PDB file of N, CA and C in Angstrom:
ATOM      1  N   MET A   1       0.734  -1.312  -0.238  1.00  0.00           N
ATOM      2  CA  MET A   1      -0.057   0.066   0.047  1.00  0.00           C
ATOM      3  C   MET A   1       0.880   1.436   0.092  1.00  0.00           C
ATOM      4  N   LYS A   2       2.269   1.293   0.763  1.00  0.00           N
ATOM      5  CA  LYS A   2       2.609   2.467   0.832  1.00  0.00           C
ATOM      6  C   LYS A   2       3.741   2.575  -0.646  1.00  0.00           C
ATOM      7  N   GLU A   3       3.893   1.668  -1.155  1.00  0.00           N
ATOM      8  CA  GLU A   3       4.503   1.808  -2.796  1.00  0.00           C
ATOM      9  C   GLU A   3       3.632   2.172  -3.517  1.00  0.00           C
ATOM     10  N   ILE A   4       1.992   2.153  -3.519  1.00  0.00           N
ATOM     11  CA  ILE A   4       1.238   2.841  -4.507  1.00  0.00           C
ATOM     12  C   ILE A   4       1.094   3.962  -4.176  1.00  0.00           C
ATOM     13  N   ILE A   5       0.811   4.299  -2.893  1.00  0.00           N
ATOM     14  CA  ILE A   5       1.153   5.809  -2.560  1.00  0.00           C
ATOM     15  C   ILE A   5       1.782   6.667  -2.901  1.00  0.00           C
ATOM     16  N   LEU A   6       3.170   6.071  -2.706  1.00  0.00           N
ATOM     17  CA  LEU A   6       4.378   6.895  -3.066  1.00  0.00           C
ATOM     18  C   LEU A   6       4.901   6.731  -4.367  1.00  0.00           C
ATOM     19  N   ASN A   7       4.389   5.939  -5.306  1.00  0.00           N
ATOM     20  CA  ASN A   7       4.628   6.160  -6.323  1.00  0.00           C
ATOM     21  C   ASN A   7       3.200   6.893  -7.505  1.00  0.00           C
ATOM     22  N   SER A   8       2.123   6.781  -7.032  1.00  0.00           N
ATOM     23  CA  SER A   8       1.366   7.980  -6.982  1.00  0.00           C
ATOM     24  C   SER A   8       1.572   9.330  -6.896  1.00  0.00           C
ATOM     25  N   ILE A   9       2.330  10.136  -5.612  1.00  0.00           N
ATOM     26  CA  ILE A   9       2.784  11.550  -5.461  1.00  0.00           C
ATOM     27  C   ILE A   9       3.885  11.488  -6.310  1.00  0.00           C
ATOM     28  N   GLN A  10       4.849  10.737  -6.651  1.00  0.00           N
ATOM     29  CA  GLN A  10       6.049  10.616  -7.501  1.00  0.00           C
ATOM     30  C   GLN A  10       5.301  10.890  -8.840  1.00  0.00           C
ATOM     31  N   LEU A  11       4.214  10.425  -9.287  1.00  0.00           N
ATOM     32  CA  LEU A  11       3.876  10.622 -10.371  1.00  0.00           C
ATOM     33  C   LEU A  11       3.588  11.871 -10.526  1.00  0.00           C
ATOM     34  N   ILE A  12       2.704  12.070  -9.610  1.00  0.00           N
ATOM     35  CA  ILE A  12       1.622  13.564  -9.741  1.00  0.00           C
ATOM     36  C   ILE A  12       2.830  14.587  -9.491  1.00  0.00           C
ATOM     37  N   LEU A  13       4.008  14.378  -8.824  1.00  0.00           N
ATOM     38  CA  LEU A  13       4.743  15.607  -9.062  1.00  0.00           C
ATOM     39  C   LEU A  13       5.429  15.798 -10.328  1.00  0.00           C
ATOM     40  N   ALA A  14       5.827  14.252 -10.627  1.00  0.00           N
ATOM     41  CA  ALA A  14       6.588  14.320 -12.256  1.00  0.00           C
ATOM     42  C   ALA A  14       5.873  15.495 -13.290  1.00  0.00           C
ATOM     43  N   ILE A  15       4.477  15.141 -13.314  1.00  0.00           N
ATOM     44  CA  ILE A  15       3.429  15.669 -14.164  1.00  0.00           C
ATOM     45  C   ILE A  15       3.646  17.569 -13.875  1.00  0.00           C
ATOM     46  N   ILE A  16       3.571  17.665 -12.562  1.00  0.00           N
ATOM     47  CA  ILE A  16       3.424  18.908 -12.294  1.00  0.00           C
ATOM     48  C   ILE A  16       4.687  19.801 -12.719  1.00  0.00           C
ATOM     49  N   LEU A  17       6.426  18.777 -12.620  1.00  0.00           N
ATOM     50  CA  LEU A  17       7.786  19.280 -12.802  1.00  0.00           C
ATOM     51  C   LEU A  17       7.398  19.867 -14.182  1.00  0.00           C
ATOM     52  N   ILE A  18       7.076  18.896 -15.270  1.00  0.00           N
ATOM     53  CA  ILE A  18       6.995  18.958 -16.558  1.00  0.00           C
ATOM     54  C   ILE A  18       6.209  20.512 -16.680  1.00  0.00           C
ATOM     55  N   VAL A  19       5.002  20.353 -16.201  1.00  0.00           N
ATOM     56  CA  VAL A  19       4.210  21.445 -16.973  1.00  0.00           C
ATOM     57  C   VAL A  19       5.198  23.117 -16.328  1.00  0.00           C
ATOM     58  N   THR A  20       5.254  22.887 -15.443  1.00  0.00           N
ATOM     59  CA  THR A  20       5.996  23.888 -14.666  1.00  0.00           C
ATOM     60  C   THR A  20       7.159  24.572 -15.533  1.00  0.00           C
ATOM     61  N   VAL A  21       7.984  23.414 -15.789  1.00  0.00           N
ATOM     62  CA  VAL A  21       8.861  24.005 -17.065  1.00  0.00           C
ATOM     63  C   VAL A  21       8.904  24.215 -18.253  1.00  0.00           C
ATOM     64  N   LEU A  22       7.780  23.968 -19.102  1.00  0.00           N
ATOM     65  CA  LEU A  22       7.471  24.164 -20.079  1.00  0.00           C
ATOM     66  C   LEU A  22       6.518  25.220 -19.997  1.00  0.00           C
ATOM     67  N   LEU A  23       6.076  25.533 -18.732  1.00  0.00           N
ATOM     68  CA  LEU A  23       5.584  27.052 -18.859  1.00  0.00           C
ATOM     69  C   LEU A  23       6.342  28.214 -18.671  1.00  0.00           C
ATOM     70  N   GLN A  24       7.907  28.001 -18.268  1.00  0.00           N
ATOM     71  CA  GLN A  24       8.557  28.978 -18.094  1.00  0.00           C
ATOM     72  C   GLN A  24       8.698  29.918 -19.403  1.00  0.00           C
ATOM     73  N   GLN A  25       9.688  30.857 -18.843  1.00  0.00           N
ATOM     74  CA  GLN A  25      10.024  31.707 -19.840  1.00  0.00           C
ATOM     75  C   GLN A  25      10.725  31.248 -21.165  1.00  0.00           C
ATOM     76  N   LYS A  26      10.528  31.093 -22.779  1.00  0.00           N
ATOM     77  CA  LYS A  26      11.080  30.894 -23.455  1.00  0.00           C
ATOM     78  C   LYS A  26      12.373  31.054 -23.855  1.00  0.00           C
ATOM     79  N   GLY A  27      13.114  31.251 -24.848  1.00  0.00           N
ATOM     80  CA  GLY A  27      14.574  31.910 -25.322  1.00  0.00           C
ATOM     81  C   GLY A  27      15.403  32.065 -24.314  1.00  0.00           C
ATOM     82  N   THR A  28      15.289  31.156 -23.145  1.00  0.00           N
ATOM     83  CA  THR A  28      16.622  31.443 -22.322  1.00  0.00           C
ATOM     84  C   THR A  28      18.142  30.428 -22.170  1.00  0.00           C
ATOM     85  N   GLY A  29      17.606  29.361 -23.182  1.00  0.00           N
ATOM     86  CA  GLY A  29      18.752  28.086 -23.457  1.00  0.00           C
ATOM     87  C   GLY A  29      19.328  28.366 -24.202  1.00  0.00           C
ATOM     88  N   LEU A  30      20.244  27.794 -25.162  1.00  0.00           N
ATOM     89  CA  LEU A  30      21.216  28.028 -25.740  1.00  0.00           C
ATOM     90  C   LEU A  30      20.542  28.916 -26.915  1.00  0.00           C
ATOM     91  N   SER A  31      19.732  29.824 -27.023  1.00  0.00           N
ATOM     92  CA  SER A  31      19.573  31.336 -28.311  1.00  0.00           C
ATOM     93  C   SER A  31      20.590  32.301 -28.025  1.00  0.00           C
ATOM     94  N   GLY A  32      20.989  32.227 -26.712  1.00  0.00           N
ATOM     95  CA  GLY A  32      22.370  33.292 -26.458  1.00  0.00           C
ATOM     96  C   GLY A  32      23.542  32.813 -27.023  1.00  0.00           C
ATOM     97  N   VAL A  33      23.451  32.008 -27.461  1.00  0.00           N
ATOM     98  CA  VAL A  33      24.923  31.143 -27.565  1.00  0.00           C
ATOM     99  C   VAL A  33      24.827  31.744 -29.410  1.00  0.00           C
ATOM    100  N   PHE A  34      23.527  31.231 -30.540  1.00  0.00           N
ATOM    101  CA  PHE A  34      23.571  31.912 -31.493  1.00  0.00           C
ATOM    102  C   PHE A  34      23.029  32.904 -31.885  1.00  0.00           C
ATOM    103  N   GLY A  35      23.447  34.097 -30.960  1.00  0.00           N
ATOM    104  CA  GLY A  35      22.846  35.524 -31.224  1.00  0.00           C
ATOM    105  C   GLY A  35      21.408  35.394 -31.094  1.00  0.00           C
ATOM    106  N   GLY A  36      20.983  35.053 -29.650  1.00  0.00           N
ATOM    107  CA  GLY A  36      19.875  35.530 -29.190  1.00  0.00           C
ATOM    108  C   GLY A  36      19.560  36.566 -28.900  1.00  0.00           C
ATOM    109  N   THR A  37      19.362  36.812 -27.667  1.00  0.00           N
ATOM    110  CA  THR A  37      19.011  38.149 -26.709  1.00  0.00           C
ATOM    111  C   THR A  37      20.118  38.198 -26.134  1.00  0.00           C
ATOM    112  N   GLY A  38      20.600  39.608 -25.632  1.00  0.00           N
ATOM    113  CA  GLY A  38      21.878  40.136 -25.448  1.00  0.00           C
ATOM    114  C   GLY A  38      21.800  39.899 -23.875  1.00  0.00           C
ATOM    115  N   ASN A  39      20.944  39.893 -23.360  1.00  0.00           N
ATOM    116  CA  ASN A  39      21.036  40.007 -21.875  1.00  0.00           C
ATOM    117  C   ASN A  39      21.552  38.973 -21.423  1.00  0.00           C
ATOM    118  N   VAL A  40      22.314  39.063 -20.510  1.00  0.00           N
ATOM    119  CA  VAL A  40      23.071  38.056 -19.969  1.00  0.00           C
ATOM    120  C   VAL A  40      22.110  37.347 -18.566  1.00  0.00           C
ATOM    121  N   TYR A  41      22.182  38.626 -17.849  1.00  0.00           N
ATOM    122  CA  TYR A  41      21.198  38.722 -16.424  1.00  0.00           C
ATOM    123  C   TYR A  41      19.841  39.077 -16.456  1.00  0.00           C
ATOM    124  N   SER A  42      18.806  38.829 -16.455  1.00  0.00           N
ATOM    125  CA  SER A  42      17.460  39.097 -16.603  1.00  0.00           C
ATOM    126  C   SER A  42      16.442  38.736 -15.136  1.00  0.00           C
ATOM    127  N   THR A  43      16.105  39.340 -14.374  1.00  0.00           N
ATOM    128  CA  THR A  43      15.097  39.354 -13.185  1.00  0.00           C
ATOM    129  C   THR A  43      13.879  38.139 -13.307  1.00  0.00           C
ATOM    130  N   LYS A  44      13.354  37.445 -12.580  1.00  0.00           N
ATOM    131  CA  LYS A  44      12.260  36.886 -12.816  1.00  0.00           C
ATOM    132  C   LYS A  44      11.203  37.879 -12.087  1.00  0.00           C
ATOM    133  N   ARG A  45       9.789  38.295 -13.093  1.00  0.00           N
ATOM    134  CA  ARG A  45       8.769  38.798 -12.350  1.00  0.00           C
ATOM    135  C   ARG A  45       7.724  38.181 -12.291  1.00  0.00           C
ATOM    136  N   GLY A  46       6.733  38.561 -11.428  1.00  0.00           N
ATOM    137  CA  GLY A  46       5.217  38.020 -11.714  1.00  0.00           C
ATOM    138  C   GLY A  46       5.300  36.487 -11.666  1.00  0.00           C
ATOM    139  N   LEU A  47       4.535  35.893 -12.909  1.00  0.00           N
ATOM    140  CA  LEU A  47       4.255  34.838 -12.754  1.00  0.00           C
ATOM    141  C   LEU A  47       5.773  33.932 -13.187  1.00  0.00           C
ATOM    142  N   ASP A  48       6.426  34.324 -13.899  1.00  0.00           N
ATOM    143  CA  ASP A  48       7.523  33.630 -13.922  1.00  0.00           C
ATOM    144  C   ASP A  48       8.699  32.977 -12.689  1.00  0.00           C
ATOM    145  N   LYS A  49       8.316  34.282 -11.994  1.00  0.00           N
ATOM    146  CA  LYS A  49       8.885  33.819 -10.206  1.00  0.00           C
ATOM    147  C   LYS A  49       8.401  33.124  -9.677  1.00  0.00           C
ATOM    148  N   ILE A  50       6.852  33.428  -9.463  1.00  0.00           N
ATOM    149  CA  ILE A  50       6.097  31.904  -9.036  1.00  0.00           C
ATOM    150  C   ILE A  50       6.260  30.519  -9.868  1.00  0.00           C
ATOM    151  N   LEU A  51       6.476  30.290 -10.987  1.00  0.00           N
ATOM    152  CA  LEU A  51       6.566  29.272 -11.549  1.00  0.00           C
ATOM    153  C   LEU A  51       8.270  28.867 -11.132  1.00  0.00           C
ATOM    154  N   HIS A  52       9.192  29.880 -11.077  1.00  0.00           N
ATOM    155  CA  HIS A  52      10.502  29.183 -10.635  1.00  0.00           C
ATOM    156  C   HIS A  52      10.788  28.535  -9.439  1.00  0.00           C
ATOM    157  N   TYR A  53       9.671  29.289  -8.365  1.00  0.00           N
ATOM    158  CA  TYR A  53       9.487  28.921  -7.284  1.00  0.00           C
ATOM    159  C   TYR A  53       8.916  27.534  -7.177  1.00  0.00           C
ATOM    160  N   ILE A  54       7.789  27.539  -7.902  1.00  0.00           N
ATOM    161  CA  ILE A  54       7.186  26.133  -7.916  1.00  0.00           C
ATOM    162  C   ILE A  54       7.981  25.133  -8.287  1.00  0.00           C
ATOM    163  N   THR A  55       9.116  25.404  -9.401  1.00  0.00           N
ATOM    164  CA  THR A  55       9.722  24.202 -10.177  1.00  0.00           C
ATOM    165  C   THR A  55      10.671  23.382  -8.932  1.00  0.00           C
ATOM    166  N   ILE A  56      11.002  24.506  -8.138  1.00  0.00           N
ATOM    167  CA  ILE A  56      12.519  24.362  -7.292  1.00  0.00           C
ATOM    168  C   ILE A  56      11.463  23.368  -6.595  1.00  0.00           C
ATOM    169  N   GLY A  57      10.594  23.738  -5.566  1.00  0.00           N
ATOM    170  CA  GLY A  57       9.836  23.108  -4.650  1.00  0.00           C
ATOM    171  C   GLY A  57       9.432  21.844  -5.254  1.00  0.00           C
ATOM    172  N   THR A  58       8.771  21.649  -6.322  1.00  0.00           N
ATOM    173  CA  THR A  58       8.581  20.168  -6.935  1.00  0.00           C
ATOM    174  C   THR A  58      10.045  19.399  -7.167  1.00  0.00           C
ATOM    175  N   VAL A  59      10.905  20.055  -7.878  1.00  0.00           N
ATOM    176  CA  VAL A  59      12.244  19.147  -7.679  1.00  0.00           C
ATOM    177  C   VAL A  59      12.428  18.537  -6.486  1.00  0.00           C
ATOM    178  N   VAL A  60      12.664  19.544  -5.319  1.00  0.00           N
ATOM    179  CA  VAL A  60      12.971  18.945  -3.879  1.00  0.00           C
ATOM    180  C   VAL A  60      12.230  18.187  -3.452  1.00  0.00           C
ATOM    181  N   ALA A  61      10.606  18.200  -3.635  1.00  0.00           N
ATOM    182  CA  ALA A  61       9.958  17.368  -3.181  1.00  0.00           C
ATOM    183  C   ALA A  61       9.548  15.694  -3.704  1.00  0.00           C
ATOM    184  N   PHE A  62      10.274  15.762  -5.272  1.00  0.00           N
ATOM    185  CA  PHE A  62      10.227  14.664  -6.108  1.00  0.00           C
ATOM    186  C   PHE A  62      11.681  14.021  -5.850  1.00  0.00           C
ATOM    187  N   PHE A  63      12.797  14.672  -5.138  1.00  0.00           N
ATOM    188  CA  PHE A  63      14.082  14.136  -4.508  1.00  0.00           C
ATOM    189  C   PHE A  63      13.850  13.594  -2.987  1.00  0.00           C
ATOM    190  N   VAL A  64      12.898  14.038  -2.660  1.00  0.00           N
ATOM    191  CA  VAL A  64      12.470  13.621  -1.020  1.00  0.00           C
ATOM    192  C   VAL A  64      12.159  12.270  -1.730  1.00  0.00           C
ATOM    193  N   VAL A  65      10.917  12.460  -2.413  1.00  0.00           N
ATOM    194  CA  VAL A  65      10.073  10.936  -2.562  1.00  0.00           C
ATOM    195  C   VAL A  65      11.038  10.180  -2.764  1.00  0.00           C
ATOM    196  N   SER A  66      11.960  10.336  -3.939  1.00  0.00           N
ATOM    197  CA  SER A  66      12.589   9.385  -4.557  1.00  0.00           C
ATOM    198  C   SER A  66      13.483   8.709  -3.685  1.00  0.00           C
ATOM    199  N   ILE A  67      14.205   9.275  -2.444  1.00  0.00           N
ATOM    200  CA  ILE A  67      14.855   8.861  -1.385  1.00  0.00           C
ATOM    201  C   ILE A  67      14.166   8.116  -0.561  1.00  0.00           C
ATOM    202  N   ILE A  68      12.655   8.212  -0.122  1.00  0.00           N
ATOM    203  CA  ILE A  68      11.736   7.476   0.375  1.00  0.00           C
ATOM    204  C   ILE A  68      11.648   5.975  -0.146  1.00  0.00           C
ATOM    205  N   ARG A  69      11.476   6.425  -1.472  1.00  0.00           N
ATOM    206  CA  ARG A  69      11.252   5.162  -2.336  1.00  0.00           C
ATOM    207  C   ARG A  69      12.378   3.819  -2.108  1.00  0.00           C
ATOM    208  N   LEU A  70      13.645   4.543  -2.208  1.00  0.00           N
ATOM    209  CA  LEU A  70      14.754   3.748  -1.800  1.00  0.00           C
ATOM    210  C   LEU A  70      14.888   3.161  -0.743  1.00  0.00           C
ATOM    211  N   VAL A  71      14.299   3.515   0.451  1.00  0.00           N
ATOM    212  CA  VAL A  71      14.649   3.569   1.925  1.00  0.00           C
ATOM    213  C   VAL A  71      13.917   2.354   2.144  1.00  0.00           C
ATOM    214  N   ILE A  72      12.209   2.674   1.668  1.00  0.00           N
ATOM    215  CA  ILE A  72      11.423   1.735   2.113  1.00  0.00           C
ATOM    216  C   ILE A  72      11.450   0.230   1.140  1.00  0.00           C
TER     217      ILE A  72
END
């Protein structure tokens, strides 16, 4: 029963993580290497900042659940 609950939690966290990463600001990856935007550093504001914090929290929760699954 514990395995089913942990698997479900990990699946939900994985879906949330995928969605939050995909919703973040576009064009911040390798586009700067190939002549994209000239800004090296930009601050996160509004929804982008909230998504950033949600992504960090989701990654930490996913990692904790993964460690718990290994121990149990």
